Every structure is written in structure tokens, then in C-alpha cells.
């Protein structure tokens, strides 16, 4: 499993209210949520992001409430991966549950800058920063995790890629 994209950079303690403001929590529709992704910290984020782009951040990304809306908005916006020094545990779990790859790496978090072009090989555990000519080692994604992400989340992976009981 691999991905590549340009980086959008954010700092420490990016909470779920910044990722998707509470005023938009009246829906779970990914197409509606993506329209407001990161708008309180970068009002033009959704206009600038291209499918496959990557978010890099500092410590404690996804802190705050446990809402699933936050990783849904990020994934629906076309973000292929989030890299941070650390994640709030509930955000980490919610991201994996919906099939959004996330990587904890202090080295990558410290060295990656906005606009960098990255290639990530989840199988080998390598982030290649093509802009800076650097590589950062990460823990390879185990097969079960790759399966969850490839199927679009935990529930589709359990159901063999389809709906459960018609849901």
C-alpha cells in the first residue's frame, strides 16, 4: 500500500473543533462535512487540497471530543494520510475505523514542511520526502491494518467489503 501527495502543515493540538467545527455536526454526510474541513484554521483548505494530499502536524492531533466527524471530513476532503508526532487516542481509533491512514512519527513531523512532496510506502515503512531528499522510517502497517484501510474501514473489512445486514 502506497500513497503520494503534497503536504499541508498544521501545528500542535489541532482539535476536532478545528478539523470540523461543531456548527456542522448536524450531518454525517461526508460530502457536506468535507466542505468545512479545517475551515476555522484555514478557510481555503478545501479549495486548495487535491486528492491524495497529506496533512502533517505536530503533537496531539485530533484532541478534543471523540466525534467521528473529524476523520470523516478529512478523508472525504481527499486527504490520503495524516502524519503527526502524536494523535489523541480516540481520533487515532476513529481514523482507522473509517479507513484513514495515520502515521505517528516524531522525525517526520519535525522535518516535513508545507508544500513538500511525499511518497509513503506503508508496506516497507518508509516516508520519502522528494522535496528534501530525505527518508523517514516508520513502522510498516501490518496486513490486518492494511486490509481495514483498503476496504474503506473496519465495518466493510469485517463484512468482506460489503454492507452488514443491509446497512
C-alpha atoms as a PDB file:
ATOM      1  CA  UNK A   1       0.000   0.000   0.000  1.00  0.00           C
ATOM      2  CA  UNK A   2       1.393   3.380  -1.038  1.00  0.00           C
ATOM      3  CA  UNK A   3       0.323   6.989  -1.391  1.00  0.00           C
ATOM      4  CA  UNK A   4       1.835  10.245  -2.555  1.00  0.00           C
ATOM      5  CA  UNK A   5       0.868  13.863  -2.305  1.00  0.00           C
ATOM      6  CA  UNK A   6       1.706  17.401  -1.292  1.00  0.00           C
ATOM      7  CA  UNK A   7       1.767  18.415   2.365  1.00  0.00           C
ATOM      8  CA  UNK A   8      -0.498  20.800   4.246  1.00  0.00           C
ATOM      9  CA  UNK A   9       1.108  21.639   7.573  1.00  0.00           C
ATOM     10  CA  UNK A  10      -0.562  22.313  10.906  1.00  0.00           C
ATOM     11  CA  UNK A  11       0.845  22.722  14.415  1.00  0.00           C
ATOM     12  CA  UNK A  12       0.261  21.112  17.790  1.00  0.00           C
ATOM     13  CA  UNK A  13      -3.083  20.407  19.480  1.00  0.00           C
ATOM     14  CA  UNK A  14      -5.282  20.541  16.384  1.00  0.00           C
ATOM     15  CA  UNK A  15      -8.577  19.619  17.975  1.00  0.00           C
ATOM     16  CA  UNK A  16     -11.682  18.144  16.441  1.00  0.00           C
ATOM     17  CA  UNK A  17     -13.452  21.535  16.658  1.00  0.00           C
ATOM     18  CA  UNK A  18     -10.835  22.936  14.287  1.00  0.00           C
ATOM     19  CA  UNK A  19     -10.946  19.898  11.990  1.00  0.00           C
ATOM     20  CA  UNK A  20     -14.743  20.138  11.662  1.00  0.00           C
ATOM     21  CA  UNK A  21     -16.426  22.971  13.585  1.00  0.00           C
ATOM     22  CA  UNK A  22     -19.287  21.958  15.881  1.00  0.00           C
ATOM     23  CA  UNK A  23     -21.786  24.042  13.910  1.00  0.00           C
ATOM     24  CA  UNK A  24     -21.610  21.413  11.123  1.00  0.00           C
ATOM     25  CA  UNK A  25     -22.253  18.367  13.292  1.00  0.00           C
ATOM     26  CA  UNK A  26     -25.872  18.102  12.219  1.00  0.00           C
ATOM     27  CA  UNK A  27     -24.850  15.707   9.445  1.00  0.00           C
ATOM     28  CA  UNK A  28     -22.740  12.607   8.927  1.00  0.00           C
ATOM     29  CA  UNK A  29     -22.750  13.145   5.143  1.00  0.00           C
ATOM     30  CA  UNK A  30     -19.081  13.065   4.086  1.00  0.00           C
ATOM     31  CA  UNK A  31     -19.783  15.320   1.089  1.00  0.00           C
ATOM     32  CA  UNK A  32     -21.172  18.013   3.383  1.00  0.00           C
ATOM     33  CA  UNK A  33     -18.519  17.586   6.078  1.00  0.00           C
ATOM     34  CA  UNK A  34     -15.623  17.915   3.637  1.00  0.00           C
ATOM     35  CA  UNK A  35     -16.836  21.376   2.608  1.00  0.00           C
ATOM     36  CA  UNK A  36     -15.969  22.646   6.096  1.00  0.00           C
ATOM     37  CA  UNK A  37     -12.842  20.633   6.846  1.00  0.00           C
ATOM     38  CA  UNK A  38     -10.223  22.802   8.600  1.00  0.00           C
ATOM     39  CA  UNK A  39     -12.110  25.995   7.716  1.00  0.00           C
ATOM     40  CA  UNK A  40     -11.605  27.660  11.101  1.00  0.00           C
ATOM     41  CA  UNK A  41      -7.810  27.350  10.824  1.00  0.00           C
ATOM     42  CA  UNK A  42      -7.505  27.633   7.010  1.00  0.00           C
ATOM     43  CA  UNK A  43     -10.685  28.909   5.308  1.00  0.00           C
ATOM     44  CA  UNK A  44      -9.316  27.986   1.856  1.00  0.00           C
ATOM     45  CA  UNK A  45      -8.152  24.470   2.771  1.00  0.00           C
ATOM     46  CA  UNK A  46     -10.879  22.669   0.840  1.00  0.00           C
ATOM     47  CA  UNK A  47     -10.251  24.836  -2.237  1.00  0.00           C
ATOM     48  CA  UNK A  48      -6.512  24.083  -2.234  1.00  0.00           C
ATOM     49  CA  UNK A  49      -6.374  20.387  -1.410  1.00  0.00           C
ATOM     50  CA  UNK A  50      -6.050  17.848  -4.210  1.00  0.00           C
ATOM     51  CA  UNK A  51      -6.983  14.169  -3.940  1.00  0.00           C
ATOM     52  CA  UNK A  52      -4.118  12.283  -2.335  1.00  0.00           C
ATOM     53  CA  UNK A  53      -2.629  15.240  -0.478  1.00  0.00           C
ATOM     54  CA  UNK A  54      -1.289  14.728   3.029  1.00  0.00           C
ATOM     55  CA  UNK A  55      -1.685  16.539   6.338  1.00  0.00           C
ATOM     56  CA  UNK A  56       1.366  16.839   8.583  1.00  0.00           C
ATOM     57  CA  UNK A  57       1.010  18.153  12.106  1.00  0.00           C
ATOM     58  CA  UNK A  58       2.702  18.298  15.483  1.00  0.00           C
ATOM     59  CA  UNK A  59       1.660  16.779  18.787  1.00  0.00           C
ATOM     60  CA  UNK A  60      -1.798  15.663  19.871  1.00  0.00           C
ATOM     61  CA  UNK A  61      -3.598  15.868  16.523  1.00  0.00           C
ATOM     62  CA  UNK A  62      -7.333  15.202  16.871  1.00  0.00           C
ATOM     63  CA  UNK A  63      -7.613  16.095  20.542  1.00  0.00           C
ATOM     64  CA  UNK A  64     -10.909  17.259  21.987  1.00  0.00           C
ATOM     65  CA  UNK A  65     -14.194  15.477  21.522  1.00  0.00           C
ATOM     66  CA  UNK A  66     -14.491  11.912  20.300  1.00  0.00           C
ATOM     67  CA  UNK A  67     -16.600  12.792  17.266  1.00  0.00           C
ATOM     68  CA  UNK A  68     -16.167  10.595  14.211  1.00  0.00           C
ATOM     69  CA  UNK A  69     -16.999  13.588  12.034  1.00  0.00           C
ATOM     70  CA  UNK A  70     -13.364  14.775  12.152  1.00  0.00           C
ATOM     71  CA  UNK A  71     -11.650  11.870  10.365  1.00  0.00           C
ATOM     72  CA  UNK A  72     -14.667  11.527   8.048  1.00  0.00           C
ATOM     73  CA  UNK A  73     -14.263  15.176   6.970  1.00  0.00           C
ATOM     74  CA  UNK A  74     -10.523  14.716   6.400  1.00  0.00           C
ATOM     75  CA  UNK A  75     -10.949  11.548   4.359  1.00  0.00           C
ATOM     76  CA  UNK A  76     -13.853  12.988   2.342  1.00  0.00           C
ATOM     77  CA  UNK A  77     -11.713  16.059   1.538  1.00  0.00           C
ATOM     78  CA  UNK A  78      -9.353  13.709  -0.309  1.00  0.00           C
ATOM     79  CA  UNK A  79      -6.542  13.539   2.248  1.00  0.00           C
ATOM     80  CA  UNK A  80      -4.693  10.251   1.780  1.00  0.00           C
ATOM     81  CA  UNK A  81      -2.815  10.242   5.097  1.00  0.00           C
ATOM     82  CA  UNK A  82      -2.240  12.253   8.263  1.00  0.00           C
ATOM     83  CA  UNK A  83       1.248  12.318   9.778  1.00  0.00           C
ATOM     84  CA  UNK A  84       1.761  13.708  13.279  1.00  0.00           C
ATOM     85  CA  UNK A  85       4.127  13.390  16.191  1.00  0.00           C
ATOM     86  CA  UNK A  86       1.194  12.054  18.197  1.00  0.00           C
ATOM     87  CA  UNK A  87      -2.571  11.629  17.970  1.00  0.00           C
ATOM     88  CA  UNK A  88      -5.342  11.749  20.511  1.00  0.00           C
ATOM     89  CA  UNK A  89      -6.136   8.068  21.086  1.00  0.00           C
ATOM     90  CA  UNK A  90      -9.834   8.295  20.183  1.00  0.00           C
ATOM     91  CA  UNK A  91      -9.033  10.172  16.958  1.00  0.00           C
ATOM     92  CA  UNK A  92      -6.462   7.503  16.090  1.00  0.00           C
ATOM     93  CA  UNK A  93      -9.021   4.764  16.548  1.00  0.00           C
ATOM     94  CA  UNK A  94     -11.775   6.637  14.693  1.00  0.00           C
ATOM     95  CA  UNK A  95      -9.427   7.284  11.760  1.00  0.00           C
ATOM     96  CA  UNK A  96      -8.508   3.619  11.406  1.00  0.00           C
ATOM     97  CA  UNK A  97     -12.160   2.601  11.820  1.00  0.00           C
ATOM     98  CA  UNK A  98     -13.122   4.678   8.764  1.00  0.00           C
ATOM     99  CA  UNK A  99     -10.060   3.665   6.727  1.00  0.00           C
ATOM    100  CA  UNK A 100      -7.988   6.861   7.008  1.00  0.00           C
ATOM    101  CA  UNK A 101      -4.265   6.018   7.240  1.00  0.00           C
ATOM    102  CA  UNK A 102      -2.449   7.868  10.007  1.00  0.00           C
ATOM    103  CA  UNK A 103       1.211   7.738  10.961  1.00  0.00           C
ATOM    104  CA  UNK A 104       2.873   8.682  14.229  1.00  0.00           C
ATOM    105  CA  UNK A 105       6.441   9.814  13.635  1.00  0.00           C
ATOM    106  CA  UNK A 106       8.302  12.441  15.589  1.00  0.00           C
ATOM    107  CA  UNK A 107      11.076  12.636  12.984  1.00  0.00           C
ATOM    108  CA  UNK A 108       8.718  13.062  10.038  1.00  0.00           C
ATOM    109  CA  UNK A 109       6.549  15.519  11.954  1.00  0.00           C
ATOM    110  CA  UNK A 110       9.559  17.691  12.783  1.00  0.00           C
ATOM    111  CA  UNK A 111      11.135  17.643   9.309  1.00  0.00           C
ATOM    112  CA  UNK A 112       8.180  17.776   6.906  1.00  0.00           C
ATOM    113  CA  UNK A 113       7.157  21.266   5.766  1.00  0.00           C
ATOM    114  CA  UNK A 114       4.152  22.688   3.936  1.00  0.00           C
ATOM    115  CA  UNK A 115       4.387  22.046   0.217  1.00  0.00           C
ATOM    116  CA  UNK A 116       6.781  19.096   0.495  1.00  0.00           C
ATOM    117  CA  UNK A 117       6.097  16.240  -1.903  1.00  0.00           C
ATOM    118  CA  UNK A 118       5.896  12.879  -0.129  1.00  0.00           C
ATOM    119  CA  UNK A 119       5.773   9.253  -1.188  1.00  0.00           C
ATOM    120  CA  UNK A 120       4.711   6.839   1.551  1.00  0.00           C
ATOM    121  CA  UNK A 121       5.232   3.087   1.362  1.00  0.00           C
ATOM    122  CA  UNK A 122       3.182   1.630   4.201  1.00  0.00           C
ATOM    123  CA  UNK A 123       4.408  -1.935   3.448  1.00  0.00           C
ATOM    124  CA  UNK A 124       8.095  -1.060   3.789  1.00  0.00           C
ATOM    125  CA  UNK A 125       7.629   1.597   6.461  1.00  0.00           C
ATOM    126  CA  UNK A 126       9.270   4.460   4.595  1.00  0.00           C
ATOM    127  CA  UNK A 127       8.224   8.054   4.004  1.00  0.00           C
ATOM    128  CA  UNK A 128      10.241   9.601   1.167  1.00  0.00           C
ATOM    129  CA  UNK A 129      10.353  13.380   1.150  1.00  0.00           C
ATOM    130  CA  UNK A 130      11.072  14.051  -2.519  1.00  0.00           C
ATOM    131  CA  UNK A 131      11.375  17.793  -1.926  1.00  0.00           C
ATOM    132  CA  UNK A 132      14.117  17.490   0.707  1.00  0.00           C
ATOM    133  CA  UNK A 133      15.742  14.257  -0.458  1.00  0.00           C
ATOM    134  CA  UNK A 134      15.119  12.604   2.929  1.00  0.00           C
ATOM    135  CA  UNK A 135      13.633   9.329   4.147  1.00  0.00           C
ATOM    136  CA  UNK A 136      11.918   8.729   7.469  1.00  0.00           C
ATOM    137  CA  UNK A 137      11.447   5.233   8.849  1.00  0.00           C
ATOM    138  CA  UNK A 138       8.040   4.331  10.225  1.00  0.00           C
ATOM    139  CA  UNK A 139       6.521   1.107  11.488  1.00  0.00           C
ATOM    140  CA  UNK A 140       5.142  -0.801   8.491  1.00  0.00           C
ATOM    141  CA  UNK A 141       1.380  -1.232   8.553  1.00  0.00           C
ATOM    142  CA  UNK A 142       0.561  -4.837   9.485  1.00  0.00           C
ATOM    143  CA  UNK A 143      -1.576  -6.785   6.993  1.00  0.00           C
ATOM    144  CA  UNK A 144      -4.746  -6.591   9.128  1.00  0.00           C
ATOM    145  CA  UNK A 145      -4.476  -2.792   9.238  1.00  0.00           C
ATOM    146  CA  UNK A 146      -3.794  -2.586   5.510  1.00  0.00           C
ATOM    147  CA  UNK A 147      -6.911  -4.686   4.959  1.00  0.00           C
ATOM    148  CA  UNK A 148      -9.057  -2.335   7.069  1.00  0.00           C
ATOM    149  CA  UNK A 149      -7.786   0.698   5.159  1.00  0.00           C
ATOM    150  CA  UNK A 150      -8.030  -0.974   1.737  1.00  0.00           C
ATOM    151  CA  UNK A 151     -11.660  -1.974   2.386  1.00  0.00           C
ATOM    152  CA  UNK A 152     -12.595   1.536   3.473  1.00  0.00           C
ATOM    153  CA  UNK A 153     -12.843   0.954   7.203  1.00  0.00           C
ATOM    154  CA  UNK A 154     -13.428  -1.567   9.941  1.00  0.00           C
ATOM    155  CA  UNK A 155     -17.042  -2.426   9.189  1.00  0.00           C
ATOM    156  CA  UNK A 156     -16.540  -3.047   5.443  1.00  0.00           C
ATOM    157  CA  UNK A 157     -13.449  -5.144   6.228  1.00  0.00           C
ATOM    158  CA  UNK A 158     -15.438  -7.327   8.624  1.00  0.00           C
ATOM    159  CA  UNK A 159     -18.242  -7.716   6.110  1.00  0.00           C
ATOM    160  CA  UNK A 160     -15.828  -8.693   3.367  1.00  0.00           C
ATOM    161  CA  UNK A 161     -16.127  -5.313   1.692  1.00  0.00           C
ATOM    162  CA  UNK A 162     -19.910  -5.087   1.690  1.00  0.00           C
ATOM    163  CA  UNK A 163     -22.686  -3.862   3.922  1.00  0.00           C
ATOM    164  CA  UNK A 164     -23.669  -5.670   7.080  1.00  0.00           C
ATOM    165  CA  UNK A 165     -27.329  -6.769   7.207  1.00  0.00           C
ATOM    166  CA  UNK A 166     -28.263  -4.276   4.516  1.00  0.00           C
ATOM    167  CA  UNK A 167     -26.828  -1.262   6.369  1.00  0.00           C
END
